[in-house]
Amino acid sequence: MLPTEERIKFKGWTSPRVLTSKSYYRFTNQNGLDSVSDVSQHHFSWSDWIGIPPKAALPQRIKASEISADTLFGKYSPTETWTRINDSIRIDIDVLADTMSRKWVPDFAGFFRKNLDYEKFKLNFDFSNISGDTVSALDLDRYSFSVDSRGRGRDMFQFNRINDPVFVSTHADVYVLDKEYISVKEARKWDKRNFATDEIGIYEPMEAPALAPSVEALIARVNLLNKDEVRLNFTPDHRLMSNNNSRKNFKIGRRALFLLKQLTGITLYKSHKNFNTNWKRFSQDRLKKNRQKHKRE
C-alpha cells in the first residue's frame, strides 16, 4: 500500500510482502567440493532488501520527447540510463557508480555505513503508462537486480570457519502481476494476517525468461535428494538433550509436582535456562575447535 497524500498518517509499505518462496542452495569451497540443499537456517539472498522504487522526476530530455534516452554520470562512470519509448520508460542503474544512486535502495543504508564490500550492484526498472513528469510504484511493471558482495552483512554463526570470506551473488527478476487499491482499514488488517505459506502456489508470468541452465541443473539435483536418508544419518549432539526422564512424572506425587510447576511457570523457566546454558556451552566448544583448526592450517 502506497498512499499518495502526504497528510495521511498511515504511511504503508515500500517493500513487497513475500507470501511464499522456494530456495535452492549450492555451497562450494576453495577445493571445488560442494553440496546442495533447499533448506538453510541462514538467508543469503539480497532479495528482501530491494524494495519498491521511490517516486522520481523524469530528466528534462525524457520529458521533452516521447522517444528519447538520457544518461546521468556519476563520479567515474554512468550511474543512470533512462530510455523512453512513448509511454514506457526503462531505468538502468549502477548503484556503485555514485553515492547519489543509493536513493533507489534506501533499505541498504545500514549496509553501506558498515562498509560492506560490493563488487557489483545493478538495478533495472520498467514502467508503463507514463503520462506525467514522474515515475512511481503505481507505474511499475517489472524490476530486476544483480548484486555480488563479499559477506552478507550479518553474523552467520557456524556457517564458515573463522576469518574465511563468504561471497554472495543474487540475481532476481520481479514481475508485478496485479494491482489492487484498498483502504487504510483493509491494509491494517492485511498487515496482521498470517498466511498458510505452504499452501500458496508460485505462478510464473508468461513473459518471464527461462531459467539459466546452471539453475535448472541445481533444481534437478536438489529434487533428487533423499531427505529421509540424510535425517537418519544425522547424529544429534547429546549436550543439547534434556536430562529429564518424563516417565517419572507419571507417579502420583511427581505428577502433582509437575502440574504445580506448569501452573507457576517454573518448568518453562528452567527449560529455557537449561537450553541457553547448553547452547552457550556448545557454541563455545565449536568456536574453540574452529580456532584450533585454523591455527594448525
C-alpha atoms as a PDB file:
ATOM      1  CA  MET A   1       0.000   0.000   0.000  1.00  0.00           C
ATOM      2  CA  LEU A   2       1.457   3.348  -1.089  1.00  0.00           C
ATOM      3  CA  PRO A   3      -0.757   6.367  -0.194  1.00  0.00           C
ATOM      4  CA  THR A   4      -0.101   9.406  -2.367  1.00  0.00           C
ATOM      5  CA  GLU A   5      -1.441  12.085   0.006  1.00  0.00           C
ATOM      6  CA  GLU A   6       1.267  13.474   2.283  1.00  0.00           C
ATOM      7  CA  ARG A   7      -1.129  14.341   5.116  1.00  0.00           C
ATOM      8  CA  ILE A   8      -2.089  10.678   5.650  1.00  0.00           C
ATOM      9  CA  LYS A   9      -0.626   9.424   8.937  1.00  0.00           C
ATOM     10  CA  PHE A  10      -0.557   5.778   7.856  1.00  0.00           C
ATOM     11  CA  LYS A  11       2.484   5.546   5.572  1.00  0.00           C
ATOM     12  CA  GLY A  12       2.034   1.996   4.263  1.00  0.00           C
ATOM     13  CA  TRP A  13       4.816  -0.254   2.961  1.00  0.00           C
ATOM     14  CA  THR A  14       7.571   0.336   0.435  1.00  0.00           C
ATOM     15  CA  SER A  15       8.674  -3.312   0.131  1.00  0.00           C
ATOM     16  CA  PRO A  16       6.737  -6.247  -1.363  1.00  0.00           C
ATOM     17  CA  ARG A  17       5.418  -8.718   1.185  1.00  0.00           C
ATOM     18  CA  VAL A  18       6.736 -12.191   0.408  1.00  0.00           C
ATOM     19  CA  LEU A  19       3.922 -14.708   0.837  1.00  0.00           C
ATOM     20  CA  THR A  20       5.823 -17.797  -0.244  1.00  0.00           C
ATOM     21  CA  SER A  21       9.163 -18.720  -1.797  1.00  0.00           C
ATOM     22  CA  LYS A  22      11.355 -21.605  -2.892  1.00  0.00           C
ATOM     23  CA  SER A  23      15.094 -21.675  -2.246  1.00  0.00           C
ATOM     24  CA  TYR A  24      17.836 -23.793  -3.793  1.00  0.00           C
ATOM     25  CA  TYR A  25      21.346 -23.572  -2.346  1.00  0.00           C
ATOM     26  CA  ARG A  26      24.729 -24.679  -3.620  1.00  0.00           C
ATOM     27  CA  PHE A  27      27.700 -24.321  -1.295  1.00  0.00           C
ATOM     28  CA  THR A  28      31.270 -24.619  -2.582  1.00  0.00           C
ATOM     29  CA  ASN A  29      34.715 -24.319  -1.051  1.00  0.00           C
ATOM     30  CA  GLN A  30      38.113 -23.391  -2.461  1.00  0.00           C
ATOM     31  CA  ASN A  31      38.830 -27.040  -3.310  1.00  0.00           C
ATOM     32  CA  GLY A  32      35.804 -27.367  -5.561  1.00  0.00           C
ATOM     33  CA  LEU A  33      33.818 -29.604  -3.214  1.00  0.00           C
ATOM     34  CA  ASP A  34      30.140 -28.697  -2.995  1.00  0.00           C
ATOM     35  CA  SER A  35      26.774 -29.636  -1.535  1.00  0.00           C
ATOM     36  CA  VAL A  36      23.196 -28.646  -2.341  1.00  0.00           C
ATOM     37  CA  SER A  37      20.018 -28.139  -0.333  1.00  0.00           C
ATOM     38  CA  ASP A  38      16.666 -26.372  -0.296  1.00  0.00           C
ATOM     39  CA  VAL A  39      16.793 -25.706   3.458  1.00  0.00           C
ATOM     40  CA  SER A  40      19.120 -23.441   5.416  1.00  0.00           C
ATOM     41  CA  GLN A  41      18.975 -21.596   8.725  1.00  0.00           C
ATOM     42  CA  HIS A  42      20.706 -18.625   7.075  1.00  0.00           C
ATOM     43  CA  HIS A  43      19.280 -16.241   4.489  1.00  0.00           C
ATOM     44  CA  PHE A  44      21.856 -15.403   1.843  1.00  0.00           C
ATOM     45  CA  SER A  45      19.811 -13.603  -0.796  1.00  0.00           C
ATOM     46  CA  TRP A  46      19.645  -9.798  -1.002  1.00  0.00           C
ATOM     47  CA  SER A  47      16.112 -10.007  -2.435  1.00  0.00           C
ATOM     48  CA  ASP A  48      14.308  -8.899   0.725  1.00  0.00           C
ATOM     49  CA  TRP A  49      16.244  -5.617   0.841  1.00  0.00           C
ATOM     50  CA  ILE A  50      15.411  -4.425  -2.676  1.00  0.00           C
ATOM     51  CA  GLY A  51      12.168  -2.521  -2.223  1.00  0.00           C
ATOM     52  CA  ILE A  52       9.704  -0.703  -4.431  1.00  0.00           C
ATOM     53  CA  PRO A  53      11.491   2.259  -6.118  1.00  0.00           C
ATOM     54  CA  PRO A  54      10.814   5.752  -4.778  1.00  0.00           C
ATOM     55  CA  LYS A  55       8.979   8.367  -6.815  1.00  0.00           C
ATOM     56  CA  ALA A  56      11.383  10.104  -9.212  1.00  0.00           C
ATOM     57  CA  ALA A  57      11.195  13.057 -11.602  1.00  0.00           C
ATOM     58  CA  LEU A  58      11.924  12.486 -15.289  1.00  0.00           C
ATOM     59  CA  PRO A  59      15.109  14.063 -16.705  1.00  0.00           C
ATOM     60  CA  GLN A  60      14.411  17.065 -18.932  1.00  0.00           C
ATOM     61  CA  ARG A  61      15.387  15.229 -22.139  1.00  0.00           C
ATOM     62  CA  ILE A  62      12.983  12.380 -21.298  1.00  0.00           C
ATOM     63  CA  LYS A  63      10.152  14.853 -20.638  1.00  0.00           C
ATOM     64  CA  ALA A  64      10.669  16.655 -23.951  1.00  0.00           C
ATOM     65  CA  SER A  65      10.323  13.708 -26.332  1.00  0.00           C
ATOM     66  CA  GLU A  66       8.271  10.505 -26.469  1.00  0.00           C
ATOM     67  CA  ILE A  67      11.225   8.606 -27.953  1.00  0.00           C
ATOM     68  CA  SER A  68      14.428   9.572 -26.181  1.00  0.00           C
ATOM     69  CA  ALA A  69      17.339   8.497 -23.992  1.00  0.00           C
ATOM     70  CA  ASP A  70      19.423  10.223 -21.353  1.00  0.00           C
ATOM     71  CA  THR A  71      22.468   9.191 -19.318  1.00  0.00           C
ATOM     72  CA  LEU A  72      23.362  10.601 -15.904  1.00  0.00           C
ATOM     73  CA  PHE A  73      27.031  10.307 -14.979  1.00  0.00           C
ATOM     74  CA  GLY A  74      28.473   9.581 -11.571  1.00  0.00           C
ATOM     75  CA  LYS A  75      31.969  10.450 -10.439  1.00  0.00           C
ATOM     76  CA  TYR A  76      33.727   7.941 -12.721  1.00  0.00           C
ATOM     77  CA  SER A  77      31.081   6.225 -14.870  1.00  0.00           C
ATOM     78  CA  PRO A  78      27.391   6.333 -15.912  1.00  0.00           C
ATOM     79  CA  THR A  79      25.106   5.831 -12.943  1.00  0.00           C
ATOM     80  CA  GLU A  80      21.608   6.099 -14.519  1.00  0.00           C
ATOM     81  CA  THR A  81      20.460   5.454 -18.086  1.00  0.00           C
ATOM     82  CA  TRP A  82      16.873   6.450 -18.936  1.00  0.00           C
ATOM     83  CA  THR A  83      15.194   5.140 -22.091  1.00  0.00           C
ATOM     84  CA  ARG A  84      11.712   6.195 -23.204  1.00  0.00           C
ATOM     85  CA  ILE A  85       9.513   4.760 -25.958  1.00  0.00           C
ATOM     86  CA  ASN A  86       6.131   6.503 -25.928  1.00  0.00           C
ATOM     87  CA  ASP A  87       4.570   5.847 -22.504  1.00  0.00           C
ATOM     88  CA  SER A  88       7.112   3.173 -21.417  1.00  0.00           C
ATOM     89  CA  ILE A  89      10.303   4.024 -19.535  1.00  0.00           C
ATOM     90  CA  ARG A  90      13.242   1.855 -18.518  1.00  0.00           C
ATOM     91  CA  ILE A  91      15.897   2.905 -15.986  1.00  0.00           C
ATOM     92  CA  ASP A  92      19.257   1.103 -15.731  1.00  0.00           C
ATOM     93  CA  ILE A  93      21.131   1.980 -12.531  1.00  0.00           C
ATOM     94  CA  ASP A  94      24.672   1.264 -11.336  1.00  0.00           C
ATOM     95  CA  VAL A  95      24.406   1.827  -7.584  1.00  0.00           C
ATOM     96  CA  LEU A  96      28.185   1.723  -7.100  1.00  0.00           C
ATOM     97  CA  ALA A  97      28.894   4.464  -9.657  1.00  0.00           C
ATOM     98  CA  ASP A  98      27.823   7.283  -7.341  1.00  0.00           C
ATOM     99  CA  THR A  99      26.616   7.627  -3.756  1.00  0.00           C
ATOM    100  CA  MET A 100      23.529   9.521  -5.024  1.00  0.00           C
ATOM    101  CA  SER A 101      22.334   6.294  -6.679  1.00  0.00           C
ATOM    102  CA  ARG A 102      21.770   4.769  -3.247  1.00  0.00           C
ATOM    103  CA  LYS A 103      18.461   6.648  -3.128  1.00  0.00           C
ATOM    104  CA  TRP A 104      16.992   3.795  -5.210  1.00  0.00           C
ATOM    105  CA  VAL A 105      17.743   1.269  -2.432  1.00  0.00           C
ATOM    106  CA  PRO A 106      17.091   3.117   0.861  1.00  0.00           C
ATOM    107  CA  ASP A 107      16.964  -0.115   2.895  1.00  0.00           C
ATOM    108  CA  PHE A 108      20.668  -0.661   2.162  1.00  0.00           C
ATOM    109  CA  ALA A 109      21.732   2.471   4.047  1.00  0.00           C
ATOM    110  CA  GLY A 110      22.850   0.499   7.096  1.00  0.00           C
ATOM    111  CA  PHE A 111      24.924  -1.904   4.995  1.00  0.00           C
ATOM    112  CA  PHE A 112      26.693   0.945   3.196  1.00  0.00           C
ATOM    113  CA  ARG A 113      27.544   2.536   6.555  1.00  0.00           C
ATOM    114  CA  LYS A 114      29.167  -0.747   7.616  1.00  0.00           C
ATOM    115  CA  ASN A 115      31.415  -0.570   4.509  1.00  0.00           C
ATOM    116  CA  LEU A 116      30.292  -3.958   3.218  1.00  0.00           C
ATOM    117  CA  ASP A 117      32.305  -4.764   0.101  1.00  0.00           C
ATOM    118  CA  TYR A 118      30.132  -4.858  -3.071  1.00  0.00           C
ATOM    119  CA  GLU A 119      31.679  -5.957  -6.354  1.00  0.00           C
ATOM    120  CA  LYS A 120      28.513  -5.381  -8.426  1.00  0.00           C
ATOM    121  CA  PHE A 121      25.192  -3.677  -7.700  1.00  0.00           C
ATOM    122  CA  LYS A 122      22.928  -3.010 -10.695  1.00  0.00           C
ATOM    123  CA  LEU A 123      19.187  -2.334 -10.926  1.00  0.00           C
ATOM    124  CA  ASN A 124      16.661  -2.168 -13.778  1.00  0.00           C
ATOM    125  CA  PHE A 125      13.142  -0.722 -13.520  1.00  0.00           C
ATOM    126  CA  ASP A 126      10.438  -0.937 -16.216  1.00  0.00           C
ATOM    127  CA  PHE A 127       7.476   1.472 -16.052  1.00  0.00           C
ATOM    128  CA  SER A 128       4.439   1.841 -18.324  1.00  0.00           C
ATOM    129  CA  ASN A 129       1.502   4.209 -18.881  1.00  0.00           C
ATOM    130  CA  ILE A 130       3.638   7.244 -18.031  1.00  0.00           C
ATOM    131  CA  SER A 131       1.647  10.418 -18.640  1.00  0.00           C
ATOM    132  CA  GLY A 132       3.151  12.948 -16.204  1.00  0.00           C
ATOM    133  CA  ASP A 133       6.607  14.186 -15.234  1.00  0.00           C
ATOM    134  CA  THR A 134       7.379  11.416 -12.701  1.00  0.00           C
ATOM    135  CA  VAL A 135       7.619   7.645 -12.336  1.00  0.00           C
ATOM    136  CA  SER A 136       6.342   5.867  -9.235  1.00  0.00           C
ATOM    137  CA  ALA A 137       5.412   2.452  -7.886  1.00  0.00           C
ATOM    138  CA  LEU A 138       1.934   2.827  -9.393  1.00  0.00           C
ATOM    139  CA  ASP A 139       3.516   2.638 -12.877  1.00  0.00           C
ATOM    140  CA  LEU A 140       5.916  -0.235 -12.121  1.00  0.00           C
ATOM    141  CA  ASP A 141       5.671  -3.394 -14.281  1.00  0.00           C
ATOM    142  CA  ARG A 142       8.931  -5.183 -13.540  1.00  0.00           C
ATOM    143  CA  TYR A 143      12.322  -4.789 -11.917  1.00  0.00           C
ATOM    144  CA  SER A 144      15.476  -6.850 -11.743  1.00  0.00           C
ATOM    145  CA  PHE A 145      18.791  -6.640  -9.938  1.00  0.00           C
ATOM    146  CA  SER A 146      22.213  -8.265  -9.683  1.00  0.00           C
ATOM    147  CA  VAL A 147      24.271  -7.970  -6.507  1.00  0.00           C
ATOM    148  CA  ASP A 148      27.669  -9.514  -5.802  1.00  0.00           C
ATOM    149  CA  SER A 149      29.093  -8.959  -2.332  1.00  0.00           C
ATOM    150  CA  ARG A 150      31.806 -10.168  -0.022  1.00  0.00           C
ATOM    151  CA  GLY A 151      29.782 -11.113   3.036  1.00  0.00           C
ATOM    152  CA  ARG A 152      26.095 -10.735   3.781  1.00  0.00           C
ATOM    153  CA  GLY A 153      26.122  -8.087   6.497  1.00  0.00           C
ATOM    154  CA  ARG A 154      25.074 -10.288   9.406  1.00  0.00           C
ATOM    155  CA  ASP A 155      26.690 -12.868  11.643  1.00  0.00           C
ATOM    156  CA  MET A 156      26.461 -16.362  10.133  1.00  0.00           C
ATOM    157  CA  PHE A 157      27.374 -18.442  13.151  1.00  0.00           C
ATOM    158  CA  GLN A 158      28.645 -21.949  12.357  1.00  0.00           C
ATOM    159  CA  PHE A 159      28.344 -21.422   8.586  1.00  0.00           C
ATOM    160  CA  ASN A 160      32.008 -20.907   7.825  1.00  0.00           C
ATOM    161  CA  ARG A 161      35.286 -21.126   9.677  1.00  0.00           C
ATOM    162  CA  ILE A 162      36.649 -18.071  11.441  1.00  0.00           C
ATOM    163  CA  ASN A 163      38.089 -15.417   9.081  1.00  0.00           C
ATOM    164  CA  ASP A 164      37.018 -17.374   5.969  1.00  0.00           C
ATOM    165  CA  PRO A 165      35.391 -14.997   3.428  1.00  0.00           C
ATOM    166  CA  VAL A 166      31.845 -15.593   2.193  1.00  0.00           C
ATOM    167  CA  PHE A 167      30.880 -14.402  -1.302  1.00  0.00           C
ATOM    168  CA  VAL A 168      27.183 -13.951  -2.109  1.00  0.00           C
ATOM    169  CA  SER A 169      25.640 -13.484  -5.576  1.00  0.00           C
ATOM    170  CA  THR A 170      21.972 -12.599  -6.058  1.00  0.00           C
ATOM    171  CA  HIS A 171      20.098 -12.115  -9.325  1.00  0.00           C
ATOM    172  CA  ALA A 172      16.318 -11.732  -9.432  1.00  0.00           C
ATOM    173  CA  ASP A 173      13.539 -10.696 -11.809  1.00  0.00           C
ATOM    174  CA  VAL A 174      10.360  -9.412 -10.136  1.00  0.00           C
ATOM    175  CA  TYR A 175       7.095  -9.028 -12.082  1.00  0.00           C
ATOM    176  CA  VAL A 176       4.020  -7.094 -10.973  1.00  0.00           C
ATOM    177  CA  LEU A 177       1.134  -9.402 -11.896  1.00  0.00           C
ATOM    178  CA  ASP A 178      -1.720  -7.437 -10.375  1.00  0.00           C
ATOM    179  CA  LYS A 179      -2.505  -4.185  -8.556  1.00  0.00           C
ATOM    180  CA  GLU A 180      -5.399  -3.621  -6.203  1.00  0.00           C
ATOM    181  CA  TYR A 181      -6.395  -0.455  -4.380  1.00  0.00           C
ATOM    182  CA  ILE A 182      -7.541  -0.921  -0.786  1.00  0.00           C
ATOM    183  CA  SER A 183      -8.443   1.326   2.130  1.00  0.00           C
ATOM    184  CA  VAL A 184      -6.213   2.094   5.105  1.00  0.00           C
ATOM    185  CA  LYS A 185      -8.518  -0.036   7.287  1.00  0.00           C
ATOM    186  CA  GLU A 186      -8.146  -3.035   4.968  1.00  0.00           C
ATOM    187  CA  ALA A 187      -4.379  -2.562   4.771  1.00  0.00           C
ATOM    188  CA  ARG A 188      -4.046  -2.704   8.557  1.00  0.00           C
ATOM    189  CA  LYS A 189      -5.959  -5.997   8.608  1.00  0.00           C
ATOM    190  CA  TRP A 190      -3.674  -7.465   5.959  1.00  0.00           C
ATOM    191  CA  ASP A 191      -0.601  -6.387   7.921  1.00  0.00           C
ATOM    192  CA  LYS A 192      -1.650  -8.591  10.862  1.00  0.00           C
ATOM    193  CA  ARG A 193      -2.905 -11.520   8.808  1.00  0.00           C
ATOM    194  CA  ASN A 194      -0.988 -14.784   8.910  1.00  0.00           C
ATOM    195  CA  PHE A 195      -0.930 -16.760   5.675  1.00  0.00           C
ATOM    196  CA  ALA A 196      -0.600 -20.531   5.249  1.00  0.00           C
ATOM    197  CA  THR A 197       2.537 -20.070   3.145  1.00  0.00           C
ATOM    198  CA  ASP A 198       2.902 -23.795   2.389  1.00  0.00           C
ATOM    199  CA  GLU A 199      -0.473 -23.770   0.603  1.00  0.00           C
ATOM    200  CA  ILE A 200       0.262 -20.791  -1.642  1.00  0.00           C
ATOM    201  CA  GLY A 201       1.412 -21.713  -5.129  1.00  0.00           C
ATOM    202  CA  ILE A 202       4.058 -19.950  -7.213  1.00  0.00           C
ATOM    203  CA  TYR A 203       2.926 -18.981 -10.721  1.00  0.00           C
ATOM    204  CA  GLU A 204       5.368 -17.764 -13.338  1.00  0.00           C
ATOM    205  CA  PRO A 205       4.195 -14.997 -15.703  1.00  0.00           C
ATOM    206  CA  MET A 206       4.208 -15.722 -19.419  1.00  0.00           C
ATOM    207  CA  GLU A 207       6.844 -13.048 -20.066  1.00  0.00           C
ATOM    208  CA  ALA A 208       9.301 -14.456 -17.510  1.00  0.00           C
ATOM    209  CA  PRO A 209      12.603 -15.513 -19.141  1.00  0.00           C
ATOM    210  CA  ALA A 210      13.743 -19.118 -18.992  1.00  0.00           C
ATOM    211  CA  LEU A 211      15.947 -20.090 -16.066  1.00  0.00           C
ATOM    212  CA  ALA A 212      19.674 -20.361 -16.691  1.00  0.00           C
ATOM    213  CA  PRO A 213      20.918 -23.917 -17.404  1.00  0.00           C
ATOM    214  CA  SER A 214      23.006 -23.837 -14.207  1.00  0.00           C
ATOM    215  CA  VAL A 215      19.889 -23.010 -12.165  1.00  0.00           C
ATOM    216  CA  GLU A 216      17.890 -25.778 -13.871  1.00  0.00           C
ATOM    217  CA  ALA A 217      20.681 -28.237 -13.051  1.00  0.00           C
ATOM    218  CA  LEU A 218      20.727 -27.104  -9.414  1.00  0.00           C
ATOM    219  CA  ILE A 219      16.951 -27.566  -9.054  1.00  0.00           C
ATOM    220  CA  ALA A 220      17.128 -31.048 -10.575  1.00  0.00           C
ATOM    221  CA  ARG A 221      19.971 -32.008  -8.250  1.00  0.00           C
ATOM    222  CA  VAL A 222      18.115 -30.767  -5.151  1.00  0.00           C
ATOM    223  CA  ASN A 223      14.945 -32.634  -6.178  1.00  0.00           C
ATOM    224  CA  LEU A 224      16.928 -35.896  -6.270  1.00  0.00           C
ATOM    225  CA  LEU A 225      17.965 -35.584  -2.619  1.00  0.00           C
ATOM    226  CA  ASN A 226      16.814 -38.356  -0.281  1.00  0.00           C
ATOM    227  CA  LYS A 227      15.967 -36.237   2.760  1.00  0.00           C
ATOM    228  CA  ASP A 228      14.869 -39.200   4.900  1.00  0.00           C
ATOM    229  CA  GLU A 229      18.261 -40.821   4.437  1.00  0.00           C
ATOM    230  CA  VAL A 230      20.009 -37.582   5.369  1.00  0.00           C
ATOM    231  CA  ARG A 231      17.961 -37.276   8.578  1.00  0.00           C
ATOM    232  CA  LEU A 232      18.636 -40.899   9.589  1.00  0.00           C
ATOM    233  CA  ASN A 233      22.383 -40.424   9.130  1.00  0.00           C
ATOM    234  CA  PHE A 234      22.427 -37.351  11.369  1.00  0.00           C
ATOM    235  CA  THR A 235      23.629 -37.901  14.946  1.00  0.00           C
ATOM    236  CA  PRO A 236      22.195 -35.330  17.397  1.00  0.00           C
ATOM    237  CA  ASP A 237      24.575 -33.677  19.859  1.00  0.00           C
ATOM    238  CA  HIS A 238      23.810 -35.236  23.263  1.00  0.00           C
ATOM    239  CA  ARG A 239      24.716 -31.964  25.023  1.00  0.00           C
ATOM    240  CA  LEU A 240      21.563 -30.373  23.605  1.00  0.00           C
ATOM    241  CA  MET A 241      19.312 -33.119  25.023  1.00  0.00           C
ATOM    242  CA  SER A 242      17.382 -32.807  28.278  1.00  0.00           C
ATOM    243  CA  ASN A 243      18.395 -34.960  31.258  1.00  0.00           C
ATOM    244  CA  ASN A 244      14.778 -35.209  32.411  1.00  0.00           C
ATOM    245  CA  ASN A 245      13.162 -38.657  32.232  1.00  0.00           C
ATOM    246  CA  SER A 246       9.490 -37.933  31.539  1.00  0.00           C
ATOM    247  CA  ARG A 247       8.355 -41.412  32.691  1.00  0.00           C
ATOM    248  CA  LYS A 248       8.973 -40.468  36.342  1.00  0.00           C
ATOM    249  CA  ASN A 249       6.302 -37.787  36.145  1.00  0.00           C
ATOM    250  CA  PHE A 250       3.506 -40.350  35.938  1.00  0.00           C
ATOM    251  CA  LYS A 251       3.872 -41.305  39.605  1.00  0.00           C
ATOM    252  CA  ILE A 252       1.171 -39.584  41.671  1.00  0.00           C
ATOM    253  CA  GLY A 253       3.472 -37.384  43.772  1.00  0.00           C
ATOM    254  CA  ARG A 254       5.722 -36.391  40.916  1.00  0.00           C
ATOM    255  CA  ARG A 255       2.720 -35.849  38.652  1.00  0.00           C
ATOM    256  CA  ALA A 256       1.195 -33.397  41.141  1.00  0.00           C
ATOM    257  CA  LEU A 257       4.521 -31.577  41.468  1.00  0.00           C
ATOM    258  CA  PHE A 258       4.820 -31.459  37.678  1.00  0.00           C
ATOM    259  CA  LEU A 259       1.348 -29.870  37.330  1.00  0.00           C
ATOM    260  CA  LEU A 260       2.193 -27.316  40.020  1.00  0.00           C
ATOM    261  CA  LYS A 261       5.363 -26.333  38.187  1.00  0.00           C
ATOM    262  CA  GLN A 262       3.411 -25.971  34.975  1.00  0.00           C
ATOM    263  CA  LEU A 263       0.922 -23.612  36.666  1.00  0.00           C
ATOM    264  CA  THR A 264       3.640 -21.445  38.230  1.00  0.00           C
ATOM    265  CA  GLY A 265       5.819 -21.380  35.120  1.00  0.00           C
ATOM    266  CA  ILE A 266       8.857 -22.839  36.906  1.00  0.00           C
ATOM    267  CA  THR A 267       9.292 -25.689  34.418  1.00  0.00           C
ATOM    268  CA  LEU A 268       9.243 -23.333  31.430  1.00  0.00           C
ATOM    269  CA  TYR A 269      11.773 -21.013  33.088  1.00  0.00           C
ATOM    270  CA  LYS A 270      14.127 -23.902  33.897  1.00  0.00           C
ATOM    271  CA  SER A 271      13.845 -25.400  30.415  1.00  0.00           C
ATOM    272  CA  HIS A 272      14.737 -22.074  28.812  1.00  0.00           C
ATOM    273  CA  LYS A 273      17.626 -21.602  31.207  1.00  0.00           C
ATOM    274  CA  ASN A 274      18.978 -25.116  30.596  1.00  0.00           C
ATOM    275  CA  PHE A 275      18.637 -24.740  26.833  1.00  0.00           C
ATOM    276  CA  ASN A 276      20.509 -21.425  26.849  1.00  0.00           C
ATOM    277  CA  THR A 277      23.249 -22.917  29.046  1.00  0.00           C
ATOM    278  CA  ASN A 278      23.674 -25.978  26.824  1.00  0.00           C
ATOM    279  CA  TRP A 279      23.645 -23.870  23.659  1.00  0.00           C
ATOM    280  CA  LYS A 280      26.261 -21.477  25.043  1.00  0.00           C
ATOM    281  CA  ARG A 281      28.482 -24.412  26.007  1.00  0.00           C
ATOM    282  CA  PHE A 282      28.022 -25.975  22.565  1.00  0.00           C
ATOM    283  CA  SER A 283      28.771 -22.735  20.657  1.00  0.00           C
ATOM    284  CA  GLN A 284      31.901 -22.015  22.717  1.00  0.00           C
ATOM    285  CA  ASP A 285      33.151 -25.547  22.104  1.00  0.00           C
ATOM    286  CA  ARG A 286      32.644 -25.203  18.310  1.00  0.00           C
ATOM    287  CA  LEU A 287      34.365 -21.810  18.219  1.00  0.00           C
ATOM    288  CA  LYS A 288      37.306 -23.237  20.157  1.00  0.00           C
ATOM    289  CA  LYS A 289      37.660 -26.138  17.714  1.00  0.00           C
ATOM    290  CA  ASN A 290      37.474 -23.785  14.729  1.00  0.00           C
ATOM    291  CA  ARG A 291      40.246 -21.614  16.166  1.00  0.00           C
ATOM    292  CA  GLN A 292      42.442 -24.644  16.828  1.00  0.00           C
ATOM    293  CA  LYS A 293      41.878 -25.964  13.308  1.00  0.00           C
ATOM    294  CA  HIS A 294      42.607 -22.568  11.810  1.00  0.00           C
ATOM    295  CA  LYS A 295      45.905 -22.303  13.743  1.00  0.00           C
ATOM    296  CA  ARG A 296      47.030 -25.769  12.556  1.00  0.00           C
ATOM    297  CA  GLU A 297      46.436 -24.792   8.934  1.00  0.00           C
END
